[in-house]
Amino acid sequence: MSTIIHEFTTKIPVWRPRVQPVRLDEATPEQLDALKVTPSNTKVSDYVLVLANDVETLKVRTPLFNAIMYNRGGMGRAERELSAVGASVVNRCVYCAAVHASRYNQLTKDEQVMEAIFTDGEEAELDERQKAIFLFAVKLSKAPSEAREEDMQALRDAGLRDDEILDLILSASLFGWANRLMHTLGDPVVE
């Protein structure tokens, strides 16, 4: 018996797919080839095995995900995770918020930022740079057409360079898509 989780947490839940994942022992050569590159180059999750049902999409999705979240230069890894959490909070993606909040906590060795975000949302007390990143990810996720030059200047005033601003936009935008996939393809559960 499992229960779907509706509240944000930094404890990563189990993700229960609604669409049948590809079984590795039954995968086609094309599916196995597409599965060679996984998000963060770690294990193959049920989520990725579900995506393997569409080989062509998976072959481009995973390298794009890795390039946006793990490339060198620009905004740091922890700040990309903060951006992912901002998008995931707006989209109410409990699973993505948990995964990326947990990664943020691991990278920074600080749990207070995510605790503040999950407790107070946009009113969370964060330092100037964290707040600028989080609030912009939230704004972009709510209504991208409302992003203005003033938002770019606010990010620059908080210390972000233009290459970091682009990384912020890329990571928040990526999670607009990822959150929708996670919501519709499965549920975060505790067993």
C-alpha atoms as a PDB file:
ATOM      1  CA  MET A   1       0.000   0.000   0.000  1.00  0.00           C
ATOM      2  CA  SER A   2       1.416   3.381  -0.946  1.00  0.00           C
ATOM      3  CA  THR A   3       0.214   6.927  -0.355  1.00  0.00           C
ATOM      4  CA  ILE A   4       0.593   9.833  -2.756  1.00  0.00           C
ATOM      5  CA  ILE A   5       2.518  12.746  -1.232  1.00  0.00           C
ATOM      6  CA  HIS A   6       1.076  16.240  -1.643  1.00  0.00           C
ATOM      7  CA  GLU A   7       3.313  18.275   0.667  1.00  0.00           C
ATOM      8  CA  PHE A   8       6.817  19.485  -0.143  1.00  0.00           C
ATOM      9  CA  THR A   9       9.655  17.609   1.511  1.00  0.00           C
ATOM     10  CA  THR A  10      13.395  17.221   1.181  1.00  0.00           C
ATOM     11  CA  LYS A  11      13.049  13.469   1.662  1.00  0.00           C
ATOM     12  CA  ILE A  12      12.950  11.993  -1.834  1.00  0.00           C
ATOM     13  CA  PRO A  13       9.789   9.928  -2.292  1.00  0.00           C
ATOM     14  CA  VAL A  14       9.352   6.891  -4.487  1.00  0.00           C
ATOM     15  CA  TRP A  15       8.028   7.765  -7.943  1.00  0.00           C
ATOM     16  CA  ARG A  16       5.297   5.365  -9.063  1.00  0.00           C
ATOM     17  CA  PRO A  17       4.833   5.404 -12.856  1.00  0.00           C
ATOM     18  CA  ARG A  18       1.412   5.417 -14.508  1.00  0.00           C
ATOM     19  CA  VAL A  19       2.922   4.449 -17.863  1.00  0.00           C
ATOM     20  CA  GLN A  20       4.747   1.143 -18.055  1.00  0.00           C
ATOM     21  CA  PRO A  21       8.544   1.583 -17.873  1.00  0.00           C
ATOM     22  CA  VAL A  22      10.634  -0.272 -20.434  1.00  0.00           C
ATOM     23  CA  ARG A  23      12.086  -3.437 -18.924  1.00  0.00           C
ATOM     24  CA  LEU A  24      15.837  -3.463 -19.431  1.00  0.00           C
ATOM     25  CA  ASP A  25      15.829  -7.199 -20.209  1.00  0.00           C
ATOM     26  CA  GLU A  26      13.254  -6.608 -22.960  1.00  0.00           C
ATOM     27  CA  ALA A  27      14.590  -3.282 -24.310  1.00  0.00           C
ATOM     28  CA  THR A  28      15.316  -2.917 -28.010  1.00  0.00           C
ATOM     29  CA  PRO A  29      18.861  -2.044 -29.140  1.00  0.00           C
ATOM     30  CA  GLU A  30      17.598   1.499 -29.868  1.00  0.00           C
ATOM     31  CA  GLN A  31      16.181   1.849 -26.342  1.00  0.00           C
ATOM     32  CA  LEU A  32      19.386   0.534 -24.786  1.00  0.00           C
ATOM     33  CA  ASP A  33      21.369   3.005 -26.858  1.00  0.00           C
ATOM     34  CA  ALA A  34      19.151   5.905 -25.719  1.00  0.00           C
ATOM     35  CA  LEU A  35      19.550   4.763 -22.098  1.00  0.00           C
ATOM     36  CA  LYS A  36      23.372   4.984 -22.222  1.00  0.00           C
ATOM     37  CA  VAL A  37      23.264   8.605 -21.056  1.00  0.00           C
ATOM     38  CA  THR A  38      21.146   9.071 -17.949  1.00  0.00           C
ATOM     39  CA  PRO A  39      20.312  12.249 -16.038  1.00  0.00           C
ATOM     40  CA  SER A  40      23.357  13.003 -13.881  1.00  0.00           C
ATOM     41  CA  ASN A  41      24.994   9.929 -15.451  1.00  0.00           C
ATOM     42  CA  THR A  42      23.873   7.727 -12.575  1.00  0.00           C
ATOM     43  CA  LYS A  43      21.432   4.832 -12.345  1.00  0.00           C
ATOM     44  CA  VAL A  44      18.499   4.318 -14.691  1.00  0.00           C
ATOM     45  CA  SER A  45      15.334   5.389 -12.881  1.00  0.00           C
ATOM     46  CA  ASP A  46      11.769   4.249 -13.576  1.00  0.00           C
ATOM     47  CA  TYR A  47      11.143   7.751 -14.927  1.00  0.00           C
ATOM     48  CA  VAL A  48      13.881   7.391 -17.551  1.00  0.00           C
ATOM     49  CA  LEU A  49      12.647   3.876 -18.338  1.00  0.00           C
ATOM     50  CA  VAL A  50       9.190   5.345 -18.996  1.00  0.00           C
ATOM     51  CA  LEU A  51      10.744   7.951 -21.285  1.00  0.00           C
ATOM     52  CA  ALA A  52      12.538   5.126 -23.125  1.00  0.00           C
ATOM     53  CA  ASN A  53       9.163   4.301 -24.672  1.00  0.00           C
ATOM     54  CA  ASP A  54       9.952   7.260 -26.975  1.00  0.00           C
ATOM     55  CA  VAL A  55      13.547   6.651 -28.035  1.00  0.00           C
ATOM     56  CA  GLU A  56      13.958   9.739 -30.221  1.00  0.00           C
ATOM     57  CA  THR A  57      12.803  12.090 -27.474  1.00  0.00           C
ATOM     58  CA  LEU A  58      14.932  10.431 -24.800  1.00  0.00           C
ATOM     59  CA  LYS A  59      18.038  10.601 -27.019  1.00  0.00           C
ATOM     60  CA  VAL A  60      17.840  14.406 -27.066  1.00  0.00           C
ATOM     61  CA  ARG A  61      16.176  15.007 -23.694  1.00  0.00           C
ATOM     62  CA  THR A  62      18.843  13.518 -21.452  1.00  0.00           C
ATOM     63  CA  PRO A  63      21.883  15.243 -23.004  1.00  0.00           C
ATOM     64  CA  LEU A  64      19.932  18.533 -22.914  1.00  0.00           C
ATOM     65  CA  PHE A  65      19.059  17.994 -19.237  1.00  0.00           C
ATOM     66  CA  ASN A  66      22.684  17.221 -18.394  1.00  0.00           C
ATOM     67  CA  ALA A  67      23.969  20.236 -20.348  1.00  0.00           C
ATOM     68  CA  ILE A  68      21.618  22.611 -18.560  1.00  0.00           C
ATOM     69  CA  MET A  69      21.997  21.236 -15.040  1.00  0.00           C
ATOM     70  CA  TYR A  70      25.605  20.019 -14.981  1.00  0.00           C
ATOM     71  CA  ASN A  71      27.674  22.013 -17.472  1.00  0.00           C
ATOM     72  CA  ARG A  72      30.709  23.947 -16.321  1.00  0.00           C
ATOM     73  CA  GLY A  73      30.796  27.691 -16.109  1.00  0.00           C
ATOM     74  CA  GLY A  74      27.935  30.066 -15.534  1.00  0.00           C
ATOM     75  CA  MET A  75      25.720  29.640 -12.489  1.00  0.00           C
ATOM     76  CA  GLY A  76      26.823  27.095  -9.895  1.00  0.00           C
ATOM     77  CA  ARG A  77      25.188  23.678  -9.441  1.00  0.00           C
ATOM     78  CA  ALA A  78      23.468  24.571  -6.187  1.00  0.00           C
ATOM     79  CA  GLU A  79      21.922  27.690  -7.709  1.00  0.00           C
ATOM     80  CA  ARG A  80      20.613  25.655 -10.661  1.00  0.00           C
ATOM     81  CA  GLU A  81      19.024  23.321  -8.119  1.00  0.00           C
ATOM     82  CA  LEU A  82      17.487  26.378  -6.396  1.00  0.00           C
ATOM     83  CA  SER A  83      16.038  27.466  -9.746  1.00  0.00           C
ATOM     84  CA  ALA A  84      14.629  23.960 -10.323  1.00  0.00           C
ATOM     85  CA  VAL A  85      13.008  24.091  -6.889  1.00  0.00           C
ATOM     86  CA  GLY A  86      11.455  27.491  -7.703  1.00  0.00           C
ATOM     87  CA  ALA A  87       9.833  26.094 -10.841  1.00  0.00           C
ATOM     88  CA  SER A  88       8.803  22.881  -9.084  1.00  0.00           C
ATOM     89  CA  VAL A  89       7.149  24.759  -6.208  1.00  0.00           C
ATOM     90  CA  VAL A  90       5.056  26.818  -8.637  1.00  0.00           C
ATOM     91  CA  ASN A  91       4.104  23.699 -10.604  1.00  0.00           C
ATOM     92  CA  ARG A  92       3.431  21.751  -7.355  1.00  0.00           C
ATOM     93  CA  CYS A  93       5.764  18.971  -8.482  1.00  0.00           C
ATOM     94  CA  VAL A  94       6.455  17.396  -5.098  1.00  0.00           C
ATOM     95  CA  TYR A  95       8.836  14.790  -6.528  1.00  0.00           C
ATOM     96  CA  CYS A  96      11.043  17.252  -8.468  1.00  0.00           C
ATOM     97  CA  ALA A  97      11.039  19.706  -5.554  1.00  0.00           C
ATOM     98  CA  ALA A  98      12.186  16.928  -3.205  1.00  0.00           C
ATOM     99  CA  VAL A  99      14.937  15.681  -5.525  1.00  0.00           C
ATOM    100  CA  HIS A 100      16.363  19.111  -6.241  1.00  0.00           C
ATOM    101  CA  ALA A 101      15.947  20.464  -2.706  1.00  0.00           C
ATOM    102  CA  SER A 102      17.842  17.414  -1.491  1.00  0.00           C
ATOM    103  CA  ARG A 103      20.595  18.038  -4.058  1.00  0.00           C
ATOM    104  CA  TYR A 104      20.763  21.686  -3.031  1.00  0.00           C
ATOM    105  CA  ASN A 105      21.115  20.651   0.606  1.00  0.00           C
ATOM    106  CA  GLN A 106      23.869  18.161  -0.257  1.00  0.00           C
ATOM    107  CA  LEU A 107      25.799  20.679  -2.357  1.00  0.00           C
ATOM    108  CA  THR A 108      25.567  23.537   0.146  1.00  0.00           C
ATOM    109  CA  LYS A 109      25.529  21.481   3.362  1.00  0.00           C
ATOM    110  CA  ASP A 110      22.741  23.829   4.440  1.00  0.00           C
ATOM    111  CA  GLU A 111      19.113  22.784   4.954  1.00  0.00           C
ATOM    112  CA  GLN A 112      17.797  26.180   6.091  1.00  0.00           C
ATOM    113  CA  VAL A 113      17.213  27.606   2.603  1.00  0.00           C
ATOM    114  CA  MET A 114      14.941  24.766   1.485  1.00  0.00           C
ATOM    115  CA  GLU A 115      13.209  24.666   4.845  1.00  0.00           C
ATOM    116  CA  ALA A 116      12.462  28.390   4.522  1.00  0.00           C
ATOM    117  CA  ILE A 117      11.197  27.969   0.944  1.00  0.00           C
ATOM    118  CA  PHE A 118       8.939  25.030   1.800  1.00  0.00           C
ATOM    119  CA  THR A 119       7.589  26.885   4.844  1.00  0.00           C
ATOM    120  CA  ASP A 120       7.236  30.442   3.545  1.00  0.00           C
ATOM    121  CA  GLY A 121       7.363  30.197  -0.264  1.00  0.00           C
ATOM    122  CA  GLU A 122       8.001  33.571  -1.883  1.00  0.00           C
ATOM    123  CA  GLU A 123       8.207  35.192   1.561  1.00  0.00           C
ATOM    124  CA  ALA A 124      11.159  32.997   2.584  1.00  0.00           C
ATOM    125  CA  GLU A 125      14.021  34.884   4.159  1.00  0.00           C
ATOM    126  CA  LEU A 126      16.994  34.239   1.874  1.00  0.00           C
ATOM    127  CA  ASP A 127      20.140  36.176   1.118  1.00  0.00           C
ATOM    128  CA  GLU A 128      19.868  38.691  -1.725  1.00  0.00           C
ATOM    129  CA  ARG A 129      21.286  36.418  -4.435  1.00  0.00           C
ATOM    130  CA  GLN A 130      19.277  33.339  -3.380  1.00  0.00           C
ATOM    131  CA  LYS A 131      16.091  35.392  -3.192  1.00  0.00           C
ATOM    132  CA  ALA A 132      16.690  36.932  -6.634  1.00  0.00           C
ATOM    133  CA  ILE A 133      17.242  33.472  -8.164  1.00  0.00           C
ATOM    134  CA  PHE A 134      14.268  31.871  -6.427  1.00  0.00           C
ATOM    135  CA  LEU A 135      11.834  34.715  -7.124  1.00  0.00           C
ATOM    136  CA  PHE A 136      12.821  34.926 -10.774  1.00  0.00           C
ATOM    137  CA  ALA A 137      12.384  31.154 -11.210  1.00  0.00           C
ATOM    138  CA  VAL A 138       8.944  31.508  -9.593  1.00  0.00           C
ATOM    139  CA  LYS A 139       7.998  34.449 -11.813  1.00  0.00           C
ATOM    140  CA  LEU A 140       9.197  32.712 -14.974  1.00  0.00           C
ATOM    141  CA  SER A 141       7.243  29.596 -14.015  1.00  0.00           C
ATOM    142  CA  LYS A 142       4.044  31.517 -13.283  1.00  0.00           C
ATOM    143  CA  ALA A 143       3.988  33.775 -16.347  1.00  0.00           C
ATOM    144  CA  PRO A 144       7.036  33.932 -18.632  1.00  0.00           C
ATOM    145  CA  SER A 145       5.466  36.740 -20.653  1.00  0.00           C
ATOM    146  CA  GLU A 146       5.767  38.976 -17.579  1.00  0.00           C
ATOM    147  CA  ALA A 147       9.584  38.823 -17.481  1.00  0.00           C
ATOM    148  CA  ARG A 148      10.948  42.298 -18.139  1.00  0.00           C
ATOM    149  CA  GLU A 149      14.267  44.087 -18.485  1.00  0.00           C
ATOM    150  CA  GLU A 150      13.774  45.236 -14.889  1.00  0.00           C
ATOM    151  CA  ASP A 151      13.936  41.579 -13.822  1.00  0.00           C
ATOM    152  CA  MET A 152      17.277  41.171 -15.603  1.00  0.00           C
ATOM    153  CA  GLN A 153      18.580  44.282 -13.863  1.00  0.00           C
ATOM    154  CA  ALA A 154      17.380  43.009 -10.481  1.00  0.00           C
ATOM    155  CA  LEU A 155      19.313  39.786 -11.097  1.00  0.00           C
ATOM    156  CA  ARG A 156      22.419  41.778 -12.075  1.00  0.00           C
ATOM    157  CA  ASP A 157      21.994  43.928  -8.965  1.00  0.00           C
ATOM    158  CA  ALA A 158      21.979  40.701  -6.914  1.00  0.00           C
ATOM    159  CA  GLY A 159      25.351  39.796  -8.447  1.00  0.00           C
ATOM    160  CA  LEU A 160      24.434  37.531 -11.364  1.00  0.00           C
ATOM    161  CA  ARG A 161      26.379  37.845 -14.604  1.00  0.00           C
ATOM    162  CA  ASP A 162      24.538  37.506 -17.903  1.00  0.00           C
ATOM    163  CA  ASP A 163      25.800  33.931 -18.436  1.00  0.00           C
ATOM    164  CA  GLU A 164      24.423  33.053 -14.995  1.00  0.00           C
ATOM    165  CA  ILE A 165      21.087  34.682 -15.838  1.00  0.00           C
ATOM    166  CA  LEU A 166      20.881  32.517 -18.960  1.00  0.00           C
ATOM    167  CA  ASP A 167      21.583  29.408 -16.849  1.00  0.00           C
ATOM    168  CA  LEU A 168      18.816  30.464 -14.468  1.00  0.00           C
ATOM    169  CA  ILE A 169      16.351  30.865 -17.330  1.00  0.00           C
ATOM    170  CA  LEU A 170      17.396  27.541 -18.864  1.00  0.00           C
ATOM    171  CA  SER A 171      17.083  25.583 -15.617  1.00  0.00           C
ATOM    172  CA  ALA A 172      13.719  27.107 -14.618  1.00  0.00           C
ATOM    173  CA  SER A 173      12.389  26.559 -18.144  1.00  0.00           C
ATOM    174  CA  LEU A 174      13.630  22.967 -18.223  1.00  0.00           C
ATOM    175  CA  PHE A 175      11.630  22.253 -15.091  1.00  0.00           C
ATOM    176  CA  GLY A 176       8.487  23.750 -16.607  1.00  0.00           C
ATOM    177  CA  TRP A 177       8.668  20.750 -18.938  1.00  0.00           C
ATOM    178  CA  ALA A 178      10.069  18.214 -16.485  1.00  0.00           C
ATOM    179  CA  ASN A 179       7.384  18.999 -13.891  1.00  0.00           C
ATOM    180  CA  ARG A 180       4.646  18.386 -16.426  1.00  0.00           C
ATOM    181  CA  LEU A 181       6.152  15.055 -17.399  1.00  0.00           C
ATOM    182  CA  MET A 182       6.547  13.925 -13.789  1.00  0.00           C
ATOM    183  CA  HIS A 183       2.972  14.987 -12.885  1.00  0.00           C
ATOM    184  CA  THR A 184       1.318  13.153 -15.716  1.00  0.00           C
ATOM    185  CA  LEU A 185       3.539  10.080 -15.986  1.00  0.00           C
ATOM    186  CA  GLY A 186       3.496   9.124 -12.303  1.00  0.00           C
ATOM    187  CA  ASP A 187       3.014  10.004  -8.640  1.00  0.00           C
ATOM    188  CA  PRO A 188       5.337  10.676  -5.682  1.00  0.00           C
ATOM    189  CA  VAL A 189       4.498   8.114  -3.018  1.00  0.00           C
ATOM    190  CA  VAL A 190       5.579   6.741   0.335  1.00  0.00           C
ATOM    191  CA  GLU A 191       5.352   2.988   0.696  1.00  0.00           C
END
